[in-house]
Amino acid sequence: MIIAKVIGTVVSTRKDSSLTGSKFMIVESMKDMAGGRFVAVDPIGAGAGELVLVATGGAARVKNPGAPVDAVIVGIIDDPGKITTVG
């Protein structure tokens, strides 16, 4: 998983039918995490400026196995001040 900040939205009126009703967010991974900026499907309702947990790759398709998705927001971080790293 990647910790990222929601920095924008993407509007797509024409998309794969398995993504109908999906919301797309532009996220930017935190420093020292892989990813950079990318688009993630948002089934939980994250907002601009929030820190989120993003699942990528095969884990992004667990709830919708046939969808052409490689990133999905799976959580909103409640208290960014409590993020700690070791080392």
PDB file of N, CA and C in Angstrom:
ATOM      1  N   MET A   1       0.832  -1.176   0.000  1.00  0.00           N
ATOM      2  CA  MET A   1       0.000   0.000   0.000  1.00  0.00           C
ATOM      3  C   MET A   1       0.877   1.239   0.000  1.00  0.00           C
ATOM      4  N   ILE A   2       0.285   2.305  -0.461  1.00  0.00           N
ATOM      5  CA  ILE A   2       0.972   3.590  -0.566  1.00  0.00           C
ATOM      6  C   ILE A   2       0.176   4.629   0.217  1.00  0.00           C
ATOM      7  N   ILE A   3       0.865   5.521   0.918  1.00  0.00           N
ATOM      8  CA  ILE A   3       0.212   6.670   1.525  1.00  0.00           C
ATOM      9  C   ILE A   3       0.330   7.812   0.528  1.00  0.00           C
ATOM     10  N   ALA A   4      -0.796   8.456   0.234  1.00  0.00           N
ATOM     11  CA  ALA A   4      -0.801   9.522  -0.766  1.00  0.00           C
ATOM     12  C   ALA A   4      -1.757  10.629  -0.352  1.00  0.00           C
ATOM     13  N   LYS A   5      -1.593  11.787  -0.964  1.00  0.00           N
ATOM     14  CA  LYS A   5      -2.473  12.927  -0.729  1.00  0.00           C
ATOM     15  C   LYS A   5      -3.345  13.132  -1.960  1.00  0.00           C
ATOM     16  N   VAL A   6      -4.636  13.340  -1.736  1.00  0.00           N
ATOM     17  CA  VAL A   6      -5.553  13.611  -2.846  1.00  0.00           C
ATOM     18  C   VAL A   6      -5.310  15.049  -3.294  1.00  0.00           C
ATOM     19  N   ILE A   7      -4.966  15.228  -4.578  1.00  0.00           N
ATOM     20  CA  ILE A   7      -4.662  16.562  -5.079  1.00  0.00           C
ATOM     21  C   ILE A   7      -5.614  17.031  -6.179  1.00  0.00           C
ATOM     22  N   GLY A   8      -6.542  16.185  -6.588  1.00  0.00           N
ATOM     23  CA  GLY A   8      -7.483  16.602  -7.625  1.00  0.00           C
ATOM     24  C   GLY A   8      -8.427  15.495  -8.025  1.00  0.00           C
ATOM     25  N   THR A   9      -9.275  15.811  -8.980  1.00  0.00           N
ATOM     26  CA  THR A   9     -10.252  14.842  -9.489  1.00  0.00           C
ATOM     27  C   THR A   9     -10.132  14.716 -10.996  1.00  0.00           C
ATOM     28  N   VAL A  10     -10.663  13.625 -11.526  1.00  0.00           N
ATOM     29  CA  VAL A  10     -10.721  13.401 -12.966  1.00  0.00           C
ATOM     30  C   VAL A  10     -12.169  13.104 -13.317  1.00  0.00           C
ATOM     31  N   VAL A  11     -12.687  13.788 -14.320  1.00  0.00           N
ATOM     32  CA  VAL A  11     -14.049  13.528 -14.782  1.00  0.00           C
ATOM     33  C   VAL A  11     -13.956  12.740 -16.082  1.00  0.00           C
ATOM     34  N   SER A  12     -14.644  11.617 -16.133  1.00  0.00           N
ATOM     35  CA  SER A  12     -14.644  10.771 -17.324  1.00  0.00           C
ATOM     36  C   SER A  12     -16.073  10.306 -17.586  1.00  0.00           C
ATOM     37  N   THR A  13     -16.703  10.886 -18.586  1.00  0.00           N
ATOM     38  CA  THR A  13     -18.080  10.505 -18.878  1.00  0.00           C
ATOM     39  C   THR A  13     -18.159   9.222 -19.697  1.00  0.00           C
ATOM     40  N   ARG A  14     -17.103   8.878 -20.403  1.00  0.00           N
ATOM     41  CA  ARG A  14     -17.067   7.637 -21.178  1.00  0.00           C
ATOM     42  C   ARG A  14     -15.948   6.774 -20.622  1.00  0.00           C
ATOM     43  N   LYS A  15     -16.314   5.595 -20.143  1.00  0.00           N
ATOM     44  CA  LYS A  15     -15.323   4.698 -19.544  1.00  0.00           C
ATOM     45  C   LYS A  15     -15.795   3.252 -19.662  1.00  0.00           C
ATOM     46  N   ASP A  16     -14.943   2.328 -19.314  1.00  0.00           N
ATOM     47  CA  ASP A  16     -15.285   0.917 -19.298  1.00  0.00           C
ATOM     48  C   ASP A  16     -16.544   0.733 -18.455  1.00  0.00           C
ATOM     49  N   SER A  17     -17.445  -0.106 -18.898  1.00  0.00           N
ATOM     50  CA  SER A  17     -18.731  -0.281 -18.207  1.00  0.00           C
ATOM     51  C   SER A  17     -18.571  -0.755 -16.756  1.00  0.00           C
ATOM     52  N   SER A  18     -17.490  -1.461 -16.452  1.00  0.00           N
ATOM     53  CA  SER A  18     -17.283  -1.916 -15.075  1.00  0.00           C
ATOM     54  C   SER A  18     -16.930  -0.760 -14.137  1.00  0.00           C
ATOM     55  N   LEU A  19     -16.646   0.404 -14.693  1.00  0.00           N
ATOM     56  CA  LEU A  19     -16.290   1.573 -13.883  1.00  0.00           C
ATOM     57  C   LEU A  19     -17.404   2.614 -13.809  1.00  0.00           C
ATOM     58  N   THR A  20     -18.571   2.274 -14.355  1.00  0.00           N
ATOM     59  CA  THR A  20     -19.696   3.203 -14.298  1.00  0.00           C
ATOM     60  C   THR A  20     -20.012   3.551 -12.845  1.00  0.00           C
ATOM     61  N   GLY A  21     -20.141   4.830 -12.566  1.00  0.00           N
ATOM     62  CA  GLY A  21     -20.430   5.289 -11.217  1.00  0.00           C
ATOM     63  C   GLY A  21     -19.200   5.479 -10.351  1.00  0.00           C
ATOM     64  N   SER A  22     -18.038   5.124 -10.862  1.00  0.00           N
ATOM     65  CA  SER A  22     -16.798   5.275 -10.087  1.00  0.00           C
ATOM     66  C   SER A  22     -16.309   6.712 -10.103  1.00  0.00           C
ATOM     67  N   LYS A  23     -15.713   7.114  -8.987  1.00  0.00           N
ATOM     68  CA  LYS A  23     -15.114   8.442  -8.847  1.00  0.00           C
ATOM     69  C   LYS A  23     -13.602   8.267  -8.970  1.00  0.00           C
ATOM     70  N   PHE A  24     -12.959   9.152  -9.714  1.00  0.00           N
ATOM     71  CA  PHE A  24     -11.517   9.074  -9.926  1.00  0.00           C
ATOM     72  C   PHE A  24     -10.830  10.272  -9.282  1.00  0.00           C
ATOM     73  N   MET A  25      -9.761  10.002  -8.541  1.00  0.00           N
ATOM     74  CA  MET A  25      -9.012  11.049  -7.861  1.00  0.00           C
ATOM     75  C   MET A  25      -7.552  11.024  -8.305  1.00  0.00           C
ATOM     76  N   ILE A  26      -6.959  12.205  -8.391  1.00  0.00           N
ATOM     77  CA  ILE A  26      -5.524  12.302  -8.638  1.00  0.00           C
ATOM     78  C   ILE A  26      -4.859  12.319  -7.272  1.00  0.00           C
ATOM     79  N   VAL A  27      -3.916  11.409  -7.072  1.00  0.00           N
ATOM     80  CA  VAL A  27      -3.208  11.337  -5.798  1.00  0.00           C
ATOM     81  C   VAL A  27      -1.708  11.463  -6.038  1.00  0.00           C
ATOM     82  N   GLU A  28      -1.021  11.941  -5.009  1.00  0.00           N
ATOM     83  CA  GLU A  28       0.432  12.061  -5.069  1.00  0.00           C
ATOM     84  C   GLU A  28       1.014  11.334  -3.872  1.00  0.00           C
ATOM     85  N   SER A  29       1.870  10.357  -4.144  1.00  0.00           N
ATOM     86  CA  SER A  29       2.431   9.560  -3.050  1.00  0.00           C
ATOM     87  C   SER A  29       3.352  10.412  -2.188  1.00  0.00           C
ATOM     88  N   MET A  30       3.438  10.036  -0.905  1.00  0.00           N
ATOM     89  CA  MET A  30       4.319  10.743   0.015  1.00  0.00           C
ATOM     90  C   MET A  30       5.771  10.542  -0.394  1.00  0.00           C
ATOM     91  N   LYS A  31       6.586  11.474   0.038  1.00  0.00           N
ATOM     92  CA  LYS A  31       8.026  11.384  -0.203  1.00  0.00           C
ATOM     93  C   LYS A  31       8.530  10.027   0.288  1.00  0.00           C
ATOM     94  N   ASP A  32       9.448   9.455  -0.408  1.00  0.00           N
ATOM     95  CA  ASP A  32      10.060   8.159  -0.086  1.00  0.00           C
ATOM     96  C   ASP A  32       9.153   6.969  -0.366  1.00  0.00           C
ATOM     97  N   MET A  33       7.996   7.188  -0.996  1.00  0.00           N
ATOM     98  CA  MET A  33       7.126   6.075  -1.399  1.00  0.00           C
ATOM     99  C   MET A  33       7.055   6.077  -2.921  1.00  0.00           C
ATOM    100  N   ALA A  34       7.013   4.896  -3.503  1.00  0.00           N
ATOM    101  CA  ALA A  34       6.923   4.791  -4.957  1.00  0.00           C
ATOM    102  C   ALA A  34       5.591   5.348  -5.444  1.00  0.00           C
ATOM    103  N   GLY A  35       5.547   5.770  -6.676  1.00  0.00           N
ATOM    104  CA  GLY A  35       4.276   6.142  -7.260  1.00  0.00           C
ATOM    105  C   GLY A  35       4.243   7.485  -7.944  1.00  0.00           C
ATOM    106  N   GLY A  36       4.699   8.542  -7.290  1.00  0.00           N
ATOM    107  CA  GLY A  36       4.576   9.871  -7.877  1.00  0.00           C
ATOM    108  C   GLY A  36       3.113  10.281  -7.907  1.00  0.00           C
ATOM    109  N   ARG A  37       2.660  10.848  -9.017  1.00  0.00           N
ATOM    110  CA  ARG A  37       1.245  11.207  -9.183  1.00  0.00           C
ATOM    111  C   ARG A  37       0.555  10.176 -10.065  1.00  0.00           C
ATOM    112  N   PHE A  38      -0.655   9.784  -9.682  1.00  0.00           N
ATOM    113  CA  PHE A  38      -1.407   8.825 -10.484  1.00  0.00           C
ATOM    114  C   PHE A  38      -2.892   8.940 -10.152  1.00  0.00           C
ATOM    115  N   VAL A  39      -3.708   8.269 -10.929  1.00  0.00           N
ATOM    116  CA  VAL A  39      -5.162   8.279 -10.736  1.00  0.00           C
ATOM    117  C   VAL A  39      -5.563   7.019  -9.987  1.00  0.00           C
ATOM    118  N   ALA A  40      -6.447   7.192  -8.994  1.00  0.00           N
ATOM    119  CA  ALA A  40      -6.950   6.054  -8.222  1.00  0.00           C
ATOM    120  C   ALA A  40      -8.474   6.114  -8.165  1.00  0.00           C
ATOM    121  N   VAL A  41      -9.117   4.969  -8.245  1.00  0.00           N
ATOM    122  CA  VAL A  41     -10.563   4.889  -8.066  1.00  0.00           C
ATOM    123  C   VAL A  41     -10.854   5.127  -6.586  1.00  0.00           C
ATOM    124  N   ASP A  42     -11.913   5.898  -6.310  1.00  0.00           N
ATOM    125  CA  ASP A  42     -12.244   6.245  -4.922  1.00  0.00           C
ATOM    126  C   ASP A  42     -13.653   5.792  -4.557  1.00  0.00           C
ATOM    127  N   PRO A  43     -13.786   4.586  -3.999  1.00  0.00           N
ATOM    128  CA  PRO A  43     -15.110   4.100  -3.610  1.00  0.00           C
ATOM    129  C   PRO A  43     -15.550   4.567  -2.213  1.00  0.00           C
ATOM    130  N   ILE A  44     -14.669   5.279  -1.476  1.00  0.00           N
ATOM    131  CA  ILE A  44     -15.005   5.622  -0.094  1.00  0.00           C
ATOM    132  C   ILE A  44     -15.291   7.099   0.149  1.00  0.00           C
ATOM    133  N   GLY A  45     -15.059   7.961  -0.840  1.00  0.00           N
ATOM    134  CA  GLY A  45     -15.418   9.370  -0.690  1.00  0.00           C
ATOM    135  C   GLY A  45     -14.352  10.267  -0.096  1.00  0.00           C
ATOM    136  N   ALA A  46     -13.105  10.066  -0.462  1.00  0.00           N
ATOM    137  CA  ALA A  46     -12.031  10.944   0.006  1.00  0.00           C
ATOM    138  C   ALA A  46     -12.170  12.318  -0.644  1.00  0.00           C
ATOM    139  N   GLY A  47     -11.659  13.318   0.049  1.00  0.00           N
ATOM    140  CA  GLY A  47     -11.735  14.677  -0.470  1.00  0.00           C
ATOM    141  C   GLY A  47     -10.362  15.250  -0.745  1.00  0.00           C
ATOM    142  N   ALA A  48     -10.332  16.351  -1.483  1.00  0.00           N
ATOM    143  CA  ALA A  48      -9.077  17.031  -1.813  1.00  0.00           C
ATOM    144  C   ALA A  48      -8.334  17.388  -0.529  1.00  0.00           C
ATOM    145  N   GLY A  49      -7.040  17.140  -0.521  1.00  0.00           N
ATOM    146  CA  GLY A  49      -6.200  17.467   0.609  1.00  0.00           C
ATOM    147  C   GLY A  49      -6.070  16.371   1.649  1.00  0.00           C
ATOM    148  N   GLU A  50      -6.894  15.337   1.567  1.00  0.00           N
ATOM    149  CA  GLU A  50      -6.830  14.260   2.565  1.00  0.00           C
ATOM    150  C   GLU A  50      -5.704  13.284   2.250  1.00  0.00           C
ATOM    151  N   LEU A  51      -5.126  12.731   3.310  1.00  0.00           N
ATOM    152  CA  LEU A  51      -4.158  11.653   3.156  1.00  0.00           C
ATOM    153  C   LEU A  51      -4.919  10.338   3.135  1.00  0.00           C
ATOM    154  N   VAL A  52      -4.551   9.474   2.185  1.00  0.00           N
ATOM    155  CA  VAL A  52      -5.282   8.225   1.980  1.00  0.00           C
ATOM    156  C   VAL A  52      -4.327   7.046   1.851  1.00  0.00           C
ATOM    157  N   LEU A  53      -4.863   5.850   2.062  1.00  0.00           N
ATOM    158  CA  LEU A  53      -4.150   4.601   1.791  1.00  0.00           C
ATOM    159  C   LEU A  53      -4.608   4.109   0.427  1.00  0.00           C
ATOM    160  N   VAL A  54      -3.654   3.778  -0.425  1.00  0.00           N
ATOM    161  CA  VAL A  54      -3.965   3.346  -1.783  1.00  0.00           C
ATOM    162  C   VAL A  54      -3.410   1.946  -2.017  1.00  0.00           C
ATOM    163  N   ALA A  55      -4.275   1.032  -2.423  1.00  0.00           N
ATOM    164  CA  ALA A  55      -3.841  -0.312  -2.827  1.00  0.00           C
ATOM    165  C   ALA A  55      -3.574  -0.273  -4.329  1.00  0.00           C
ATOM    166  N   THR A  56      -2.515  -0.952  -4.749  1.00  0.00           N
ATOM    167  CA  THR A  56      -2.158  -0.952  -6.167  1.00  0.00           C
ATOM    168  C   THR A  56      -2.008  -2.377  -6.688  1.00  0.00           C
ATOM    169  N   GLY A  57      -1.933  -2.490  -7.993  1.00  0.00           N
ATOM    170  CA  GLY A  57      -1.750  -3.784  -8.631  1.00  0.00           C
ATOM    171  C   GLY A  57      -2.950  -4.690  -8.452  1.00  0.00           C
ATOM    172  N   GLY A  58      -2.711  -5.959  -8.284  1.00  0.00           N
ATOM    173  CA  GLY A  58      -3.787  -6.943  -8.133  1.00  0.00           C
ATOM    174  C   GLY A  58      -4.685  -6.662  -6.939  1.00  0.00           C
ATOM    175  N   ALA A  59      -4.131  -6.101  -5.875  1.00  0.00           N
ATOM    176  CA  ALA A  59      -4.927  -5.783  -4.687  1.00  0.00           C
ATOM    177  C   ALA A  59      -5.993  -4.732  -4.989  1.00  0.00           C
ATOM    178  N   ALA A  60      -5.778  -3.929  -6.013  1.00  0.00           N
ATOM    179  CA  ALA A  60      -6.750  -2.894  -6.378  1.00  0.00           C
ATOM    180  C   ALA A  60      -8.003  -3.485  -7.026  1.00  0.00           C
ATOM    181  N   ARG A  61      -7.919  -4.722  -7.470  1.00  0.00           N
ATOM    182  CA  ARG A  61      -9.052  -5.351  -8.168  1.00  0.00           C
ATOM    183  C   ARG A  61      -9.814  -6.358  -7.318  1.00  0.00           C
ATOM    184  N   VAL A  62      -9.531  -6.441  -6.039  1.00  0.00           N
ATOM    185  CA  VAL A  62     -10.157  -7.453  -5.182  1.00  0.00           C
ATOM    186  C   VAL A  62     -11.677  -7.345  -5.197  1.00  0.00           C
ATOM    187  N   LYS A  63     -12.231  -6.159  -5.070  1.00  0.00           N
ATOM    188  CA  LYS A  63     -13.690  -6.003  -5.029  1.00  0.00           C
ATOM    189  C   LYS A  63     -14.328  -6.036  -6.407  1.00  0.00           C
ATOM    190  N   ASN A  64     -13.552  -5.820  -7.457  1.00  0.00           N
ATOM    191  CA  ASN A  64     -14.082  -5.797  -8.813  1.00  0.00           C
ATOM    192  C   ASN A  64     -13.054  -6.448  -9.740  1.00  0.00           C
ATOM    193  N   PRO A  65     -12.958  -7.787  -9.714  1.00  0.00           N
ATOM    194  CA  PRO A  65     -11.899  -8.506 -10.423  1.00  0.00           C
ATOM    195  C   PRO A  65     -11.785  -8.228 -11.916  1.00  0.00           C
ATOM    196  N   GLY A  66     -12.869  -7.902 -12.579  1.00  0.00           N
ATOM    197  CA  GLY A  66     -12.802  -7.675 -14.019  1.00  0.00           C
ATOM    198  C   GLY A  66     -12.505  -6.247 -14.422  1.00  0.00           C
ATOM    199  N   ALA A  67     -12.416  -5.350 -13.459  1.00  0.00           N
ATOM    200  CA  ALA A  67     -12.228  -3.925 -13.778  1.00  0.00           C
ATOM    201  C   ALA A  67     -10.777  -3.628 -14.165  1.00  0.00           C
ATOM    202  N   PRO A  68     -10.599  -2.737 -15.139  1.00  0.00           N
ATOM    203  CA  PRO A  68      -9.250  -2.339 -15.540  1.00  0.00           C
ATOM    204  C   PRO A  68      -8.694  -1.265 -14.598  1.00  0.00           C
ATOM    205  N   VAL A  69      -8.398  -1.675 -13.360  1.00  0.00           N
ATOM    206  CA  VAL A  69      -7.972  -0.748 -12.318  1.00  0.00           C
ATOM    207  C   VAL A  69      -6.630  -1.196 -11.766  1.00  0.00           C
ATOM    208  N   ASP A  70      -5.723  -0.242 -11.533  1.00  0.00           N
ATOM    209  CA  ASP A  70      -4.466  -0.617 -10.894  1.00  0.00           C
ATOM    210  C   ASP A  70      -4.174   0.191  -9.634  1.00  0.00           C
ATOM    211  N   ALA A  71      -5.136   1.050  -9.209  1.00  0.00           N
ATOM    212  CA  ALA A  71      -5.001   1.783  -7.945  1.00  0.00           C
ATOM    213  C   ALA A  71      -6.384   2.118  -7.410  1.00  0.00           C
ATOM    214  N   VAL A  72      -6.589   1.877  -6.107  1.00  0.00           N
ATOM    215  CA  VAL A  72      -7.875   2.184  -5.478  1.00  0.00           C
ATOM    216  C   VAL A  72      -7.629   2.709  -4.061  1.00  0.00           C
ATOM    217  N   ILE A  73      -8.366   3.755  -3.708  1.00  0.00           N
ATOM    218  CA  ILE A  73      -8.272   4.297  -2.360  1.00  0.00           C
ATOM    219  C   ILE A  73      -9.046   3.361  -1.435  1.00  0.00           C
ATOM    220  N   VAL A  74      -8.361   2.872  -0.391  1.00  0.00           N
ATOM    221  CA  VAL A  74      -8.985   1.912   0.516  1.00  0.00           C
ATOM    222  C   VAL A  74      -9.179   2.459   1.925  1.00  0.00           C
ATOM    223  N   GLY A  75      -8.661   3.649   2.202  1.00  0.00           N
ATOM    224  CA  GLY A  75      -8.823   4.226   3.526  1.00  0.00           C
ATOM    225  C   GLY A  75      -8.411   5.683   3.566  1.00  0.00           C
ATOM    226  N   ILE A  76      -9.003   6.426   4.504  1.00  0.00           N
ATOM    227  CA  ILE A  76      -8.626   7.813   4.765  1.00  0.00           C
ATOM    228  C   ILE A  76      -7.883   7.827   6.093  1.00  0.00           C
ATOM    229  N   ILE A  77      -6.727   8.442   6.124  1.00  0.00           N
ATOM    230  CA  ILE A  77      -5.921   8.488   7.346  1.00  0.00           C
ATOM    231  C   ILE A  77      -6.520   9.525   8.290  1.00  0.00           C
ATOM    232  N   ASP A  78      -6.917   9.073   9.482  1.00  0.00           N
ATOM    233  CA  ASP A  78      -7.594   9.925  10.453  1.00  0.00           C
ATOM    234  C   ASP A  78      -6.687  10.988  11.056  1.00  0.00           C
ATOM    235  N   ASP A  79      -5.474  10.621  11.431  1.00  0.00           N
ATOM    236  CA  ASP A  79      -4.581  11.557  12.124  1.00  0.00           C
ATOM    237  C   ASP A  79      -3.199  11.487  11.492  1.00  0.00           C
ATOM    238  N   PRO A  80      -2.948  12.323  10.468  1.00  0.00           N
ATOM    239  CA  PRO A  80      -1.648  12.290   9.797  1.00  0.00           C
ATOM    240  C   PRO A  80      -0.466  12.524  10.737  1.00  0.00           C
ATOM    241  N   GLY A  81      -0.701  13.175  11.873  1.00  0.00           N
ATOM    242  CA  GLY A  81       0.361  13.424  12.838  1.00  0.00           C
ATOM    243  C   GLY A  81       0.869  12.169  13.516  1.00  0.00           C
ATOM    244  N   LYS A  82       0.119  11.081  13.413  1.00  0.00           N
ATOM    245  CA  LYS A  82       0.516   9.829  14.056  1.00  0.00           C
ATOM    246  C   LYS A  82       1.209   8.859  13.105  1.00  0.00           C
ATOM    247  N   ILE A  83       1.530   9.306  11.886  1.00  0.00           N
ATOM    248  CA  ILE A  83       2.277   8.462  10.965  1.00  0.00           C
ATOM    249  C   ILE A  83       3.722   8.449  11.424  1.00  0.00           C
ATOM    250  N   THR A  84       4.258   7.257  11.626  1.00  0.00           N
ATOM    251  CA  THR A  84       5.649   7.140  12.072  1.00  0.00           C
ATOM    252  C   THR A  84       6.405   6.195  11.162  1.00  0.00           C
ATOM    253  N   THR A  85       7.691   6.427  11.071  1.00  0.00           N
ATOM    254  CA  THR A  85       8.554   5.540  10.305  1.00  0.00           C
ATOM    255  C   THR A  85       9.690   5.069  11.205  1.00  0.00           C
ATOM    256  N   VAL A  86      10.251   3.938  10.859  1.00  0.00           N
ATOM    257  CA  VAL A  86      11.363   3.376  11.622  1.00  0.00           C
ATOM    258  C   VAL A  86      12.610   3.470  10.764  1.00  0.00           C
ATOM    259  N   GLY A  87      13.699   3.900  11.338  1.00  0.00           N
ATOM    260  CA  GLY A  87      14.964   3.917  10.613  1.00  0.00           C
ATOM    261  C   GLY A  87      15.339   5.225  10.206  1.00  0.00           C
TER     262      GLY A  87
END
